[in-house]
Amino acid sequence: MAEAKAYAVIKSGGQQFRVSPGSRISIQKFEGEPGSEIVFSEVMMHSAGGEQAPKIGTPLLSGVKVTGKVVAQEKGPKVLIYKKTRRTGYTKKQGHRQNLTRVLIESISA
């Protein structure tokens, strides 16, 4: 039977991510050069793996933090916005690309 990996659920930019050491995530733009360290202190759930039950915060856990390293600053896929008013000939097409930060999760400390 395979051993369960440690994981945590973190909150960043209004979104929640399930992360484990070695995983890569794309979060909303976070200031930092590639190679700099980020500490996520808003941890909602933590599991050390194995037979232990996961710890669940109400809503956050204290004393648990997740550290990561900025890999790149990039843009997400293009999202098209199309507006139209019928019978008047009004159309408007606009595109948007969200700024994202790619992060490599290094460790979870409890």
Protein backbone atom coordinates (compact mmCIF):
# COMPACT_ATOMS: atom_id res chain seq x y z
CA MET A 1 0.00 0.00 0.00
CA ALA A 2 1.38 3.43 -0.93
CA GLU A 3 2.12 5.91 1.84
CA ALA A 4 -0.11 8.99 1.82
CA LYS A 5 1.63 12.30 1.08
CA ALA A 6 1.34 15.33 3.30
CA TYR A 7 -0.93 18.04 1.92
CA ALA A 8 -2.58 21.29 2.89
CA VAL A 9 -5.42 23.47 1.66
CA ILE A 10 -4.34 27.11 1.40
CA LYS A 11 -6.23 30.29 0.60
CA SER A 12 -4.73 32.82 -1.81
CA GLY A 13 -6.43 35.57 -3.80
CA GLY A 14 -9.94 34.44 -2.87
CA GLN A 15 -9.29 30.89 -4.13
CA GLN A 16 -8.44 27.65 -2.34
CA PHE A 17 -5.70 25.27 -3.48
CA ARG A 18 -4.84 21.75 -2.36
CA VAL A 19 -1.04 21.61 -2.33
CA SER A 20 1.68 19.15 -1.40
CA PRO A 21 5.47 19.54 -1.46
CA GLY A 22 6.68 19.56 -5.06
CA SER A 23 3.37 20.70 -6.60
CA ARG A 24 3.06 23.75 -8.86
CA ILE A 25 0.14 26.17 -8.73
CA SER A 26 -0.85 29.35 -10.57
CA ILE A 27 -2.15 32.04 -8.24
CA GLN A 28 -3.31 35.60 -8.86
CA LYS A 29 -0.48 38.09 -9.34
CA PHE A 30 1.82 38.17 -6.32
CA GLU A 31 4.72 40.62 -6.22
CA GLY A 32 8.09 38.90 -6.34
CA GLU A 33 10.93 38.10 -8.67
CA PRO A 34 11.46 34.54 -9.91
CA GLY A 35 13.42 32.69 -7.24
CA SER A 36 11.98 34.65 -4.29
CA GLU A 37 10.18 32.90 -1.43
CA ILE A 38 6.45 33.16 -0.60
CA VAL A 39 4.94 32.14 2.73
CA PHE A 40 1.23 31.23 2.79
CA SER A 41 -0.04 31.68 6.34
CA GLU A 42 -3.75 31.22 5.55
CA VAL A 43 -3.91 27.42 5.85
CA MET A 44 -7.42 25.96 6.09
CA MET A 45 -6.59 22.25 6.38
CA HIS A 46 -3.45 20.20 6.98
CA SER A 47 -2.71 16.49 6.80
CA ALA A 48 0.69 15.05 7.68
CA GLY A 49 -0.10 11.85 5.77
CA GLY A 50 -0.17 8.34 7.15
CA GLU A 51 -2.83 7.23 9.62
CA GLN A 52 -3.38 10.61 11.31
CA ALA A 53 -6.65 12.43 10.75
CA PRO A 54 -6.34 15.81 9.00
CA LYS A 55 -6.57 19.01 11.04
CA ILE A 56 -9.36 21.31 9.89
CA GLY A 57 -9.40 24.99 10.82
CA THR A 58 -12.39 27.10 11.79
CA PRO A 59 -11.76 28.79 9.33
CA LEU A 60 -7.92 28.92 9.58
CA LEU A 61 -5.27 26.88 11.37
CA SER A 62 -2.74 28.66 13.55
CA GLY A 63 0.91 27.65 13.56
CA VAL A 64 0.84 26.01 10.12
CA LYS A 65 2.49 27.64 7.13
CA VAL A 66 3.29 26.65 3.58
CA THR A 67 6.41 27.96 1.85
CA GLY A 68 6.89 28.19 -1.88
CA LYS A 69 9.19 29.68 -4.48
CA VAL A 70 8.16 31.96 -7.35
CA VAL A 71 8.92 30.19 -10.63
CA ALA A 72 7.57 32.74 -13.13
CA GLN A 73 5.31 35.75 -13.65
CA GLU A 74 3.03 34.98 -16.61
CA LYS A 75 -0.35 35.65 -18.18
CA GLY A 76 -3.27 33.26 -18.24
CA PRO A 77 -5.32 32.21 -21.27
CA LYS A 78 -7.31 34.84 -23.15
CA VAL A 79 -10.93 35.27 -22.10
CA LEU A 80 -13.24 36.88 -24.66
CA ILE A 81 -15.97 39.30 -23.62
CA TYR A 82 -18.68 39.82 -26.23
CA LYS A 83 -21.56 42.30 -25.80
CA LYS A 84 -24.46 42.68 -28.18
CA THR A 85 -27.70 44.62 -28.18
CA ARG A 86 -30.29 43.17 -30.49
CA ARG A 87 -31.87 45.13 -33.32
CA THR A 88 -29.55 48.12 -32.87
CA GLY A 89 -26.37 46.93 -34.57
CA TYR A 90 -24.33 47.28 -31.38
CA THR A 91 -21.59 44.72 -30.84
CA LYS A 92 -18.44 44.95 -28.78
CA LYS A 93 -15.70 42.35 -28.52
CA GLN A 94 -12.97 42.62 -25.91
CA GLY A 95 -10.25 40.28 -24.66
CA HIS A 96 -8.59 39.92 -21.26
CA ARG A 97 -5.58 37.99 -19.95
CA GLN A 98 -5.16 37.71 -16.18
CA ASN A 99 -1.71 38.20 -14.64
CA LEU A 100 -0.65 35.04 -12.78
CA THR A 101 2.26 33.91 -10.65
CA ARG A 102 3.51 30.32 -11.00
CA VAL A 103 4.61 28.94 -7.59
CA LEU A 104 6.49 25.75 -6.68
CA ILE A 105 5.49 24.50 -3.21
CA GLU A 106 8.59 23.55 -1.21
CA SER A 107 7.45 22.63 2.30
CA ILE A 108 4.57 22.45 4.75
CA SER A 109 5.46 23.11 8.38
CA ALA A 110 3.13 22.48 11.27
